Each structure stands twice: as structure tokens, then as C-alpha cells.
Protein backbone atom coordinates (compact mmCIF):
# COMPACT_ATOMS: atom_id res chain seq x y z
CA MET A 1 -34.19 -16.56 -9.49
CA PRO A 2 -33.85 -14.44 -12.62
CA ASN A 3 -31.59 -11.44 -13.01
CA ILE A 4 -29.47 -12.01 -9.87
CA ILE A 5 -26.98 -9.17 -9.25
CA SER A 6 -23.49 -10.40 -8.63
CA ALA A 7 -21.64 -9.89 -5.35
CA ASP A 8 -19.00 -7.92 -7.29
CA ASP A 9 -21.67 -5.61 -8.59
CA ILE A 10 -23.29 -5.11 -5.23
CA ARG A 11 -19.84 -4.42 -3.54
CA GLU A 12 -19.00 -1.92 -6.29
CA ARG A 13 -22.29 -0.06 -5.89
CA PHE A 14 -21.98 -0.09 -2.16
CA SER A 15 -18.40 1.26 -2.06
CA GLN A 16 -19.41 4.08 -4.38
CA ALA A 17 -22.43 4.92 -2.27
CA MET A 18 -20.33 4.84 0.94
CA SER A 19 -17.69 7.09 -0.64
CA SER A 20 -20.39 9.64 -1.61
CA LEU A 21 -21.92 9.49 1.88
CA TYR A 22 -18.54 10.04 3.54
CA GLN A 23 -17.65 12.88 1.22
CA THR A 24 -20.94 14.58 2.17
CA GLU A 25 -20.31 14.09 5.91
CA VAL A 26 -16.57 14.89 5.77
CA PRO A 27 -15.81 17.44 3.11
CA GLN A 28 -12.06 17.07 3.73
CA TYR A 29 -12.36 13.48 2.44
CA GLY A 30 -13.05 14.98 -1.02
CA GLU A 31 -9.94 17.05 -0.66
CA LEU A 32 -8.09 13.98 0.32
CA LEU A 33 -9.16 12.14 -2.83
CA ASP A 34 -8.05 15.18 -4.90
CA LEU A 35 -4.59 15.07 -3.17
CA VAL A 36 -4.18 11.32 -3.83
CA ALA A 37 -5.28 11.73 -7.37
CA ASP A 38 -2.75 14.50 -7.97
CA VAL A 39 0.07 12.46 -6.47
CA ASN A 40 -0.83 9.32 -8.37
CA LEU A 41 -1.03 11.15 -11.64
CA ALA A 42 2.42 12.76 -11.08
CA VAL A 43 3.93 9.43 -10.24
CA LEU A 44 2.51 7.70 -13.34
CA GLU A 45 3.58 10.64 -15.58
CA CYS A 46 7.25 10.35 -14.28
CA HIS A 47 7.35 6.57 -14.30
CA HIS A 48 6.11 5.23 -17.53
CA ASP A 49 7.42 1.73 -16.72
CA LEU A 50 5.23 1.64 -13.63
CA TYR A 51 2.22 2.85 -15.63
CA GLN A 52 2.84 0.08 -18.12
CA ASN A 53 3.35 -2.48 -15.44
CA LEU A 54 0.13 -1.59 -13.60
CA GLU A 55 -1.81 -1.63 -16.86
CA ASN A 56 -0.40 -4.91 -18.02
CA ASN A 57 -1.26 -6.64 -14.69
CA ASP A 58 -4.80 -5.27 -14.37
CA GLN A 59 -3.82 -3.05 -11.37
CA LEU A 60 -4.41 0.37 -12.94
CA SER A 61 -8.23 0.12 -13.10
CA ARG A 62 -8.53 -0.72 -9.45
CA LEU A 63 -6.22 2.09 -8.27
CA ASN A 64 -8.88 4.87 -8.44
CA VAL A 65 -11.68 2.80 -6.88
CA GLU A 66 -9.64 1.11 -4.15
CA ARG A 67 -10.89 2.02 -0.59
CA HIS A 68 -10.81 0.59 2.80
CA GLY A 69 -12.94 1.69 5.64
CA ALA A 70 -13.01 1.04 9.39
CA ILE A 71 -15.82 0.52 11.82
CA ARG A 72 -16.19 -0.50 15.48
CA VAL A 73 -19.04 -2.47 17.06
CA GLY A 74 -19.88 -3.26 20.61
CA LYS A 75 -21.39 -6.76 20.80
CA GLY A 76 -21.17 -10.12 19.05
CA GLU A 77 -24.52 -9.97 17.47
CA GLU A 78 -23.61 -6.76 15.64
CA LEU A 79 -20.42 -8.45 14.32
CA ALA A 80 -22.29 -11.58 13.14
CA THR A 81 -24.88 -9.40 11.35
CA LEU A 82 -22.15 -7.47 9.62
CA ARG A 83 -20.63 -10.77 8.42
CA ARG A 84 -24.01 -11.60 6.75
CA ILE A 85 -24.17 -8.09 5.21
CA PHE A 86 -20.62 -8.20 3.81
CA GLN A 87 -20.99 -11.74 2.51
CA ILE A 88 -23.71 -10.47 0.10
CA MET A 89 -21.03 -8.18 -1.29
CA GLY A 90 -18.49 -10.95 -1.63
CA MET A 91 -16.49 -9.87 1.33
CA TYR A 92 -15.25 -12.44 3.89
CA PRO A 93 -13.43 -12.15 7.23
CA VAL A 94 -9.65 -12.41 6.75
CA GLY A 95 -7.20 -12.43 9.67
CA TYR A 96 -7.39 -11.86 13.40
CA TYR A 97 -5.95 -8.69 14.87
CA ASP A 98 -5.31 -8.31 18.65
CA LEU A 99 -5.00 -4.55 19.37
CA SER A 100 -5.09 -4.98 23.21
CA GLN A 101 -1.35 -5.29 23.31
CA ALA A 102 -1.28 -1.65 22.11
CA GLY A 103 -3.70 -0.53 24.78
CA ILE A 104 -6.73 -0.60 22.57
CA PRO A 105 -9.63 -2.73 23.99
CA VAL A 106 -10.70 -4.34 20.70
CA HIS A 107 -9.93 -7.29 18.46
CA SER A 108 -10.58 -7.15 14.74
CA THR A 109 -10.80 -8.83 11.36
CA ALA A 110 -10.89 -7.39 7.80
CA PHE A 111 -13.90 -8.13 5.59
CA ARG A 112 -12.66 -8.19 2.00
CA PRO A 113 -12.91 -10.11 -1.34
CA ILE A 114 -10.60 -13.15 -1.47
CA GLU A 115 -10.76 -14.28 -5.08
CA GLU A 116 -8.27 -12.66 -7.59
CA SER A 117 -11.03 -11.64 -10.06
CA ALA A 118 -13.04 -10.02 -7.28
CA LEU A 119 -9.99 -8.15 -5.96
CA GLY A 120 -9.26 -6.95 -9.49
CA ARG A 121 -12.84 -5.68 -9.90
CA ASN A 122 -13.03 -3.76 -6.63
CA PRO A 123 -10.84 -4.63 -3.61
CA PHE A 124 -13.12 -2.85 -1.10
CA ARG A 125 -12.13 -3.74 2.55
CA ILE A 126 -13.76 -2.96 5.92
CA PHE A 127 -11.49 -3.35 9.00
CA THR A 128 -14.01 -4.26 11.69
CA SER A 129 -13.28 -4.11 15.38
CA LEU A 130 -15.25 -5.61 18.28
CA LEU A 131 -15.12 -3.90 21.72
CA ARG A 132 -13.81 -6.21 24.48
CA LEU A 133 -15.84 -5.27 27.42
CA GLU A 134 -13.85 -7.50 29.73
CA LEU A 135 -10.94 -5.18 29.31
CA ILE A 136 -12.74 -2.22 30.85
CA GLY A 137 -11.19 -2.04 34.33
CA ASN A 138 -14.00 -0.16 36.00
CA GLU A 139 -16.69 -2.69 36.77
CA THR A 140 -19.44 -0.14 37.10
CA LEU A 141 -18.61 1.37 33.71
CA ARG A 142 -18.28 -2.08 32.17
CA ASN A 143 -21.74 -3.07 33.31
CA LYS A 144 -23.22 0.24 32.13
CA ALA A 145 -21.60 -0.09 28.70
CA ALA A 146 -23.02 -3.61 28.40
CA ASP A 147 -26.53 -2.38 29.35
CA ILE A 148 -26.41 0.42 26.76
CA LEU A 149 -25.22 -1.93 24.02
CA ASN A 150 -27.91 -4.46 24.91
CA THR A 151 -30.71 -1.97 24.36
CA ARG A 152 -29.63 -0.61 20.88
CA ASP A 153 -30.05 -1.92 17.42
CA ILE A 154 -27.71 -0.49 14.86
CA PHE A 155 -29.55 -2.11 11.88
CA THR A 156 -32.82 -0.85 10.48
CA PRO A 157 -35.78 -3.27 10.51
CA ARG A 158 -35.85 -3.23 6.70
CA CYS A 159 -32.17 -4.17 6.61
CA ARG A 160 -32.83 -7.18 8.80
CA ALA A 161 -35.85 -8.19 6.66
CA LEU A 162 -33.74 -7.95 3.53
CA LEU A 163 -31.04 -10.17 4.99
CA ASP A 164 -33.57 -12.78 5.74
CA LEU A 165 -34.99 -12.37 2.23
CA TYR A 166 -31.61 -12.88 0.75
CA ASP A 167 -31.11 -16.08 2.66
CA GLN A 168 -34.46 -17.31 1.41
CA GLN A 169 -33.95 -16.41 -2.24
CA GLY A 170 -30.22 -16.88 -2.59
CA GLY A 171 -29.67 -13.52 -4.21
CA PHE A 172 -31.02 -10.00 -4.96
CA THR A 173 -32.53 -8.49 -8.03
CA LEU A 174 -31.54 -4.91 -8.95
CA SER A 175 -34.66 -3.64 -7.24
CA LEU A 176 -33.69 -5.31 -4.03
CA VAL A 177 -30.07 -4.13 -4.26
CA ASN A 178 -31.30 -0.60 -4.58
CA GLN A 179 -33.23 -1.06 -1.36
CA PHE A 180 -30.48 -2.92 0.46
CA ILE A 181 -27.66 -0.36 -0.03
CA PRO A 182 -29.43 2.63 1.53
CA GLU A 183 -30.64 0.55 4.46
CA VAL A 184 -27.05 -0.71 5.10
CA LEU A 185 -25.70 2.84 4.79
CA GLU A 186 -27.90 3.95 7.72
CA THR A 187 -25.82 1.71 9.96
CA PHE A 188 -22.58 3.50 8.88
CA ARG A 189 -24.00 7.03 8.83
CA TRP A 190 -22.76 9.63 11.36
CA HIS A 191 -25.31 10.55 13.99
CA GLN A 192 -24.76 13.75 15.99
CA GLN A 193 -27.43 12.68 18.45
CA ALA A 194 -25.95 10.33 21.06
CA ILE A 195 -27.97 7.64 22.90
CA VAL A 196 -26.57 8.59 26.37
CA ASP A 197 -26.48 11.68 28.55
CA LYS A 198 -23.43 13.79 28.70
CA SER A 199 -22.18 12.48 32.09
CA THR A 200 -22.27 8.88 30.89
CA TYR A 201 -20.43 9.88 27.67
CA LEU A 202 -17.70 11.65 29.65
CA ALA A 203 -17.30 8.72 32.02
CA LEU A 204 -16.80 6.28 29.16
CA HIS A 205 -14.68 8.75 27.30
CA ASN A 206 -12.41 9.26 30.25
CA GLU A 207 -11.97 5.45 30.58
CA HIS A 208 -10.99 5.35 26.84
CA ARG A 209 -12.18 7.43 23.99
CA LEU A 210 -12.77 4.41 21.76
CA ILE A 211 -15.22 3.03 24.30
CA ALA A 212 -17.30 6.15 24.08
CA ASP A 213 -17.11 6.04 20.32
CA VAL A 214 -18.43 2.44 20.19
CA VAL A 215 -21.04 2.63 22.98
CA CYS A 216 -22.59 6.11 22.91
CA PHE A 217 -24.06 6.29 19.33
CA PRO A 218 -26.84 4.61 17.48
CA GLY A 219 -24.72 3.13 14.72
CA CYS A 220 -21.11 2.03 13.92
CA HIS A 221 -20.29 5.15 11.94
CA ILE A 222 -17.43 4.77 9.33
CA ASN A 223 -14.51 6.50 10.87
CA HIS A 224 -12.36 6.69 7.80
CA LEU A 225 -12.37 5.68 4.15
CA THR A 226 -8.87 5.26 2.74
CA PRO A 227 -7.69 5.74 -0.78
CA ARG A 228 -4.51 4.17 -2.16
CA THR A 229 -1.56 6.27 -3.19
CA LEU A 230 1.58 5.45 -5.17
CA ASP A 231 3.81 7.75 -3.12
CA ILE A 232 2.78 8.21 0.55
CA ASP A 233 5.79 10.34 1.41
CA ARG A 234 4.72 12.88 -1.22
CA ALA A 235 1.14 12.71 -0.01
CA GLN A 236 2.28 13.29 3.60
CA SER A 237 4.29 16.37 2.59
CA LEU A 238 1.31 17.82 0.61
CA MET A 239 -1.32 17.44 3.31
CA LEU A 240 -0.58 20.75 4.96
CA GLU A 241 -0.80 22.49 1.54
CA TYR A 242 -4.28 20.99 1.20
CA GLY A 243 -5.37 22.34 4.58
CA MET A 244 -4.97 19.06 6.49
CA HIS A 245 -2.98 18.37 9.66
CA PRO A 246 -1.12 15.07 9.19
CA LYS A 247 -0.27 12.69 12.00
CA ALA A 248 3.35 12.81 13.21
CA ILE A 249 4.74 9.75 11.43
CA ILE A 250 3.99 7.45 8.55
CA GLU A 251 3.21 3.94 9.92
CA GLY A 252 4.74 0.80 8.52
CA PRO A 253 8.01 0.03 6.71
CA PRO A 254 10.33 2.72 5.20
CA ARG A 255 10.33 3.96 1.58
CA ARG A 256 11.82 1.24 -0.68
CA GLU A 257 12.42 0.39 -4.29
CA VAL A 258 10.16 -2.68 -3.77
CA PRO A 259 7.36 -1.63 -1.38
CA VAL A 260 6.30 -4.25 1.12
CA LEU A 261 3.12 -4.76 3.09
CA LEU A 262 1.39 -1.46 3.89
CA ARG A 263 2.30 2.12 4.80
CA GLN A 264 -0.37 4.42 6.25
CA THR A 265 -0.82 8.07 7.37
CA SER A 266 -3.81 10.23 8.08
CA PHE A 267 -5.07 13.71 8.96
CA LYS A 268 -6.14 14.04 12.55
CA ALA A 269 -9.66 13.42 13.70
CA LEU A 270 -12.23 16.08 13.34
CA MET A 271 -13.90 17.64 16.38
CA GLU A 272 -17.67 17.27 15.67
CA PRO A 273 -20.65 18.55 17.66
CA VAL A 274 -22.74 16.05 19.64
CA PHE A 275 -26.17 16.34 21.27
CA PHE A 276 -26.90 14.20 24.33
CA THR A 277 -30.12 12.76 25.66
CA ASP A 278 -30.24 15.27 28.57
CA GLN A 279 -30.24 18.16 26.01
CA GLN A 280 -26.63 19.12 26.73
CA GLN A 281 -24.13 19.54 23.97
CA GLY A 282 -20.43 18.53 23.48
CA THR A 283 -17.94 17.38 20.92
CA HIS A 284 -16.50 14.06 19.78
CA THR A 285 -13.43 13.15 17.79
CA ALA A 286 -13.40 9.89 15.89
CA ARG A 287 -13.46 10.35 12.12
CA PHE A 288 -10.39 11.18 10.17
CA GLY A 289 -8.79 10.92 6.76
CA GLU A 290 -6.33 8.15 6.04
CA ILE A 291 -4.13 7.32 3.05
CA GLU A 292 -2.30 4.08 2.32
CA GLN A 293 0.42 2.73 0.08
CA ARG A 294 0.41 -1.01 -0.60
CA GLY A 295 3.33 -3.23 -1.38
CA ILE A 296 4.13 -6.90 -1.87
CA ALA A 297 2.67 -9.55 0.43
CA LEU A 298 5.31 -11.23 2.67
CA THR A 299 5.56 -14.96 3.53
CA PRO A 300 5.71 -15.99 7.17
CA LYS A 301 9.55 -15.92 6.82
CA GLY A 302 9.48 -12.39 5.40
CA ARG A 303 6.94 -11.22 7.97
CA ALA A 304 9.16 -12.54 10.79
CA LEU A 305 12.09 -10.56 9.44
CA TYR A 306 9.85 -7.50 9.07
CA ASP A 307 8.57 -7.65 12.58
CA GLU A 308 12.11 -8.08 13.94
CA LEU A 309 13.35 -5.02 12.09
CA LEU A 310 10.40 -2.90 12.91
CA CYS A 311 10.91 -3.62 16.61
CA GLU A 312 14.60 -2.93 16.20
CA ALA A 313 13.86 0.53 14.60
CA GLY A 314 11.60 1.79 17.35
CA LEU A 315 9.83 5.14 17.07
CA GLY A 316 11.43 8.47 16.08
CA ALA A 317 10.57 11.83 17.61
CA ASP A 318 9.19 12.98 14.22
CA ASN A 319 8.60 11.56 10.79
CA PHE A 320 12.10 12.47 9.46
CA GLN A 321 13.88 10.74 12.41
CA HIS A 322 11.46 7.77 12.34
CA GLN A 323 12.03 7.17 8.67
CA GLN A 324 15.83 7.39 9.14
CA GLN A 325 15.71 4.79 11.92
CA LEU A 326 13.53 2.55 9.79
CA CYS A 327 15.86 2.82 6.80
CA GLN A 328 18.84 1.94 8.96
CA ALA A 329 17.12 -1.09 10.46
CA PHE A 330 15.64 -2.27 7.13
CA SER A 331 18.95 -2.20 5.34
CA ARG A 332 18.99 -5.93 6.24
CA PHE A 333 15.71 -6.53 4.40
CA PRO A 334 16.44 -7.25 0.70
CA ASP A 335 15.10 -4.51 -1.66
CA SER A 336 15.07 -6.62 -4.90
CA GLU A 337 12.25 -8.65 -6.30
CA THR A 338 14.70 -11.31 -7.39
CA VAL A 339 16.26 -11.64 -3.96
CA LEU A 340 12.92 -11.57 -2.22
CA ARG A 341 11.64 -14.34 -4.46
CA ARG A 342 14.83 -16.49 -4.16
CA GLN A 343 14.90 -16.23 -0.37
CA GLY A 344 11.26 -17.00 -0.04
CA LEU A 345 10.38 -13.73 1.66
CA ALA A 346 7.46 -12.64 -0.55
CA TYR A 347 4.66 -14.02 -2.72
CA PHE A 348 4.66 -13.66 -6.53
CA HIS A 349 2.34 -14.43 -9.48
CA TYR A 350 4.08 -16.55 -12.13
CA ARG A 351 3.20 -16.18 -15.79
CA LEU A 352 4.61 -17.71 -18.97
CA THR A 353 6.18 -15.38 -21.54
CA LEU A 354 5.53 -15.82 -25.23
CA ALA A 355 8.69 -17.93 -25.37
CA GLY A 356 7.32 -19.94 -22.45
CA GLU A 357 4.06 -20.57 -24.19
CA ARG A 358 5.93 -21.98 -27.17
CA HIS A 359 7.72 -24.39 -24.87
CA ARG A 360 4.68 -25.14 -22.54
CA GLN A 361 4.84 -28.87 -23.26
CA GLU A 362 8.43 -29.06 -22.03
CA ILE A 363 7.61 -27.58 -18.61
CA THR A 364 7.02 -29.94 -15.73
CA PRO A 365 6.17 -29.55 -12.00
CA ALA A 366 9.72 -30.73 -11.22
CA ASP A 367 11.35 -27.67 -13.02
CA ASP A 368 13.15 -25.03 -11.02
CA PRO A 369 11.23 -21.74 -11.68
CA GLU A 370 14.42 -19.69 -11.36
CA ILE A 371 15.93 -21.58 -14.22
CA LEU A 372 12.90 -20.93 -16.40
CA ILE A 373 12.98 -17.21 -15.46
CA GLU A 374 16.64 -17.00 -16.51
CA ARG A 375 15.75 -18.78 -19.77
CA GLY A 376 13.09 -16.18 -20.44
CA TRP A 377 10.19 -18.57 -20.36
CA LEU A 378 8.72 -17.33 -17.10
CA GLN A 379 8.10 -13.86 -15.52
CA THR A 380 6.87 -12.90 -12.17
CA GLN A 381 4.79 -10.12 -10.66
CA PRO A 382 4.54 -9.20 -6.88
CA ILE A 383 1.26 -10.23 -5.18
CA ILE A 384 -0.22 -7.12 -3.59
CA TYR A 385 -0.74 -7.12 0.10
CA GLU A 386 -4.43 -6.91 0.69
CA ASP A 387 -4.56 -6.95 4.49
CA PHE A 388 -3.53 -4.77 7.49
CA LEU A 389 -0.76 -4.47 10.03
CA PRO A 390 -1.66 -4.65 13.73
CA VAL A 391 1.04 -2.10 14.64
CA SER A 392 -0.08 0.30 11.94
CA ALA A 393 -3.76 -0.11 12.89
CA ALA A 394 -3.00 0.54 16.51
CA GLY A 395 -0.87 3.50 15.66
CA ILE A 396 -3.53 5.13 13.51
CA PHE A 397 -6.16 4.43 16.18
CA GLN A 398 -4.00 5.97 18.98
CA SER A 399 -2.91 9.01 16.99
CA ASN A 400 -6.57 9.87 16.36
CA LEU A 401 -7.74 9.13 19.87
CA GLY A 402 -5.47 11.72 21.38
CA GLY A 403 -2.73 9.39 22.57
CA GLU A 404 -4.01 9.47 26.20
CA ASN A 405 -2.89 7.17 28.95
CA ILE A 406 -4.75 3.88 28.79
CA THR A 407 -6.76 3.16 31.96
CA HIS A 408 -8.42 -0.13 30.98
CA GLN A 409 -6.79 -3.49 31.51
CA GLN A 410 -4.44 -4.64 28.74
CA GLY A 411 -4.92 -8.30 27.88
CA ALA A 412 -3.93 -11.09 25.53
CA GLY A 413 -5.77 -11.89 22.36
CA ASN A 414 -8.83 -14.08 22.49
CA GLN A 415 -9.39 -15.42 19.03
CA ALA A 416 -11.77 -18.11 20.11
CA ALA A 417 -14.18 -15.65 21.63
CA PHE A 418 -13.98 -13.42 18.51
CA GLU A 419 -14.74 -16.33 16.24
CA GLN A 420 -17.69 -17.35 18.41
CA ALA A 421 -19.07 -13.80 18.11
CA LEU A 422 -18.39 -13.65 14.40
CA GLY A 423 -19.92 -17.03 13.71
CA ALA A 424 -17.07 -18.02 11.46
CA VAL A 425 -13.29 -18.70 11.39
CA PRO A 426 -11.45 -15.81 9.63
CA ALA A 427 -9.34 -16.99 6.67
CA ASN A 428 -5.60 -17.22 7.15
CA PRO A 429 -4.13 -14.43 4.96
CA PHE A 430 -0.88 -16.32 4.47
CA MET A 431 -2.91 -19.29 3.11
CA LEU A 432 -4.77 -17.01 0.63
CA TYR A 433 -1.46 -15.53 -0.71
CA GLN A 434 0.14 -18.94 -0.88
CA GLN A 435 -2.89 -20.25 -2.81
CA MET A 436 -2.73 -17.29 -5.26
CA GLU A 437 0.97 -18.07 -6.00
CA ALA A 438 0.27 -21.79 -6.31
CA ARG A 439 -2.58 -21.25 -8.71
CA SER A 440 -0.34 -19.12 -10.96
CA LYS A 441 2.34 -21.76 -10.92
CA SER A 442 -0.22 -24.42 -11.76
CA ARG A 443 -1.40 -22.39 -14.80
CA CYS A 444 2.20 -22.38 -16.03
CA GLY A 445 2.56 -26.21 -15.55
CA LEU A 446 4.85 -25.80 -12.49
CA LEU A 447 2.46 -27.32 -10.06
CA SER A 448 -0.21 -29.91 -10.24
CA SER A 449 -3.67 -28.43 -9.66
CA CYS A 450 -4.37 -30.95 -6.98
CA THR A 451 -1.29 -29.99 -4.86
CA TYR A 452 -2.01 -26.37 -4.03
CA PRO A 453 -3.60 -25.52 -0.67
CA VAL A 454 -7.36 -25.15 -0.15
CA THR A 455 -8.71 -21.82 1.01
CA MET A 456 -9.55 -21.66 4.74
CA SER A 457 -13.07 -20.57 5.49
């Protein structure tokens, strides 16, 4: 088929279209982008070494386009169809997140690019949650929610037809891409018109606000679209000046010289008018503005230490106290790239220096990388964490759902059921980072190309 548009191009066009849509629907999102742009510019102006480092490692160009969104769906068929949609954009399910332990009746995955070149082009991510009806304690409400979900279709007929056409042709021309993107956007658009009457909405809302958000509307509206900042503490402090009301605490690890994993904050959800099928009116709160700061990806060993220290820190009464508690607990977590690397706590890209290139023939897979680094033949760069934290995701959800008492049943994760609904096995994020590191070592001659792990699909 001639003139096939690449998945990277489709993803870039879609992320731009979604950003424009969300800015139209939530004007404060535009102000959030301005805030983040101002903070990032100030950081780069004050830290020329950081600017040079980002530029040299192809990170600068992705900074301004980087976004992640979040959606919630109610049934397995919706999740499986989203998998088909995102695959066209070069986005694949990565990781399994059980939020039921935090009192939220969903489990989730993140659709995102997995290849390094695709991440460098546009690392668009969609954190996608599936409602777990079995965790709704009220049997009558559980059955009612299932009936409502079974009668709705969140995808347009043309969207479904285009998915089938893509499968038949194996790709899209530009003309079809220009049809596909608006049709998909209809699924993520906000609809003030609910598909239930007010009493049904209130019953589901009183069980849990998220249940009402998933069940009562004709689509899986995007509930936030997150830009990436280089200084989330500064962004948090500026939110009030920009007319936003930030959540109480920044989720994730404390401020560090070497940022790890993910830190997140947000402004609180908007109260938006809703019209019900019985002609009554009301309000709904679901959509909010989130900011993230990304750090280095941790190995299983590093993640275990992170989880231990996060649990040890607990929650502070406000952000100042919370950050103090985190800093105290995380004093045991090395804050040096060298130590993180030597202790096997984080993942790194390996690259030969000019001196290393001159001595390439002398390098063998048996060589100790640390000796080559000391010799000046090898340099390393942290691998950016591209995924999410269950604790942070749950905290963001709860802070924007009002923090009410949870009345549904809490349960254990059910990854097998999620995978059956998805129609695929999410990739193991640790495996993806390990593979990135191994490929970089292989390019330097430190690892045979046949020995690094195969990507899980």
C-alpha cells in the first residue's frame, strides 16, 4: 500500500489534536502549559549543563511535546478496542496496576511507545483503567451499572469501520489518518449530557465517584493531560499565582540531585455542569490538571528500596511536612549516578567516548564497564522512567475524587482477568528498561547482541 503514514506520525498528530481539544474544553490546561513552559525555561537558563545534557542525549526536543493522559472504561470490549486504536499509533500496553488496594475499584495499564526511537520522537502515554464491577458492594447497583455499560458504545461507527479497514490494509494513508483522528477524539471528548437519570447518577456517585464517572457518560473522556516539568516543586508553588488550586502534596519521591521514577501534582478537579436524561441538571467533578517530573528508571532492587522507604516515610499533614518526612526516609537512597549504577539500583544507557571509539577493538564482553568508565572510554546516561507509580496514581485519583470514604469492596489484583479483557499481556516494564540498557552495552561491544533479553509482548 503506497504512502503509508508511520505509527510515530499518527501518534504525534493525535497527541497534538488531543492537546488542542483538551485546551478548548479546559482553558486552565492552557494556563498549566504556560506555567510549565515558564518553569522549564527558567531551569534551563540557570543550568546550562542540564540544557547541554538534554540536547546531547536527544531529550530536549521531546520535553515540550511530552504528555500523558488518563482515561477510564467500563467493560472489557472497550479496553480491547482501545488496544487496537493505540496500536495504530505505536502505543502498547506496559505494566499492570492494581489500584483496588488504595480503595479505587479499577485496574490499569499504560499504553505507550516502547522503542527508543519512538520514545524520542513523541513519548505520548495513556494511563487506561478498567472498572472492576465485582468490587461494587451493592449488588443492585452492580447489576444496574453492568446493564448501562452493556447498552452503550463509546466508539463511533466510522471509528470501528476504520479499525477494520486498517486491519485489512495493514496501514493508513494520510487521507485515512485525517479521518481516523477526529473519529477517535469523539471517544475522548467531554459530554455534558449524561446517559442516565439524576437518581441513578447520584446512587452510583454515592457508591464511589469514579463509578459514576465511568458509567454515566457516553464516552471515556480524557480526565487529564499532563506536561512534564524540570522542577515540580517550583511548579507547585506557582500554581496559586496562576489561579490554580494545587492538591495538598506532591506524590512520589522527594526532591533529589538525581531524580528517580516519577513525581506528580495537580490542580483540583473542575466542577462541571451535567444534564441528565430526566431533564434535571447537576454537576460532576472528574477532570483536572496534572504536572509530572520524571527521573531515572529503577531496577527491581532499586524499586524494592524505594517502596520500603516510601512506606517508612508515610504521609505528612501538608506538603512541607510530607517532603521533610520523605527526605529523612530517603537519606538511605543513594543520590549519585555513580553509586546508583555500581549498586545496580537504576538503569543506564552506555555510550563510547571518542577515546573509547579509538579503542573499540580492544573492548570485549568480559570487560568491567566501571573500569572503562574510569579509563574515559565509556560514559553513561540515566534511562528515563516512562511509566507510572501505583501509589502516585491512586493518590492523584483520590485527591480529585474528594477523598471520600470508600464503600465498595476492596480486593486483590486480578491480572489474569485484565489480560483477558485486554486481549494481550502487558509488557514487563523492568524487561523493557533492561533491554534498553543491554542494547546500549551491545553497541559498545560490552555484550553480545544475542544475549540481551527479548521484549515481552
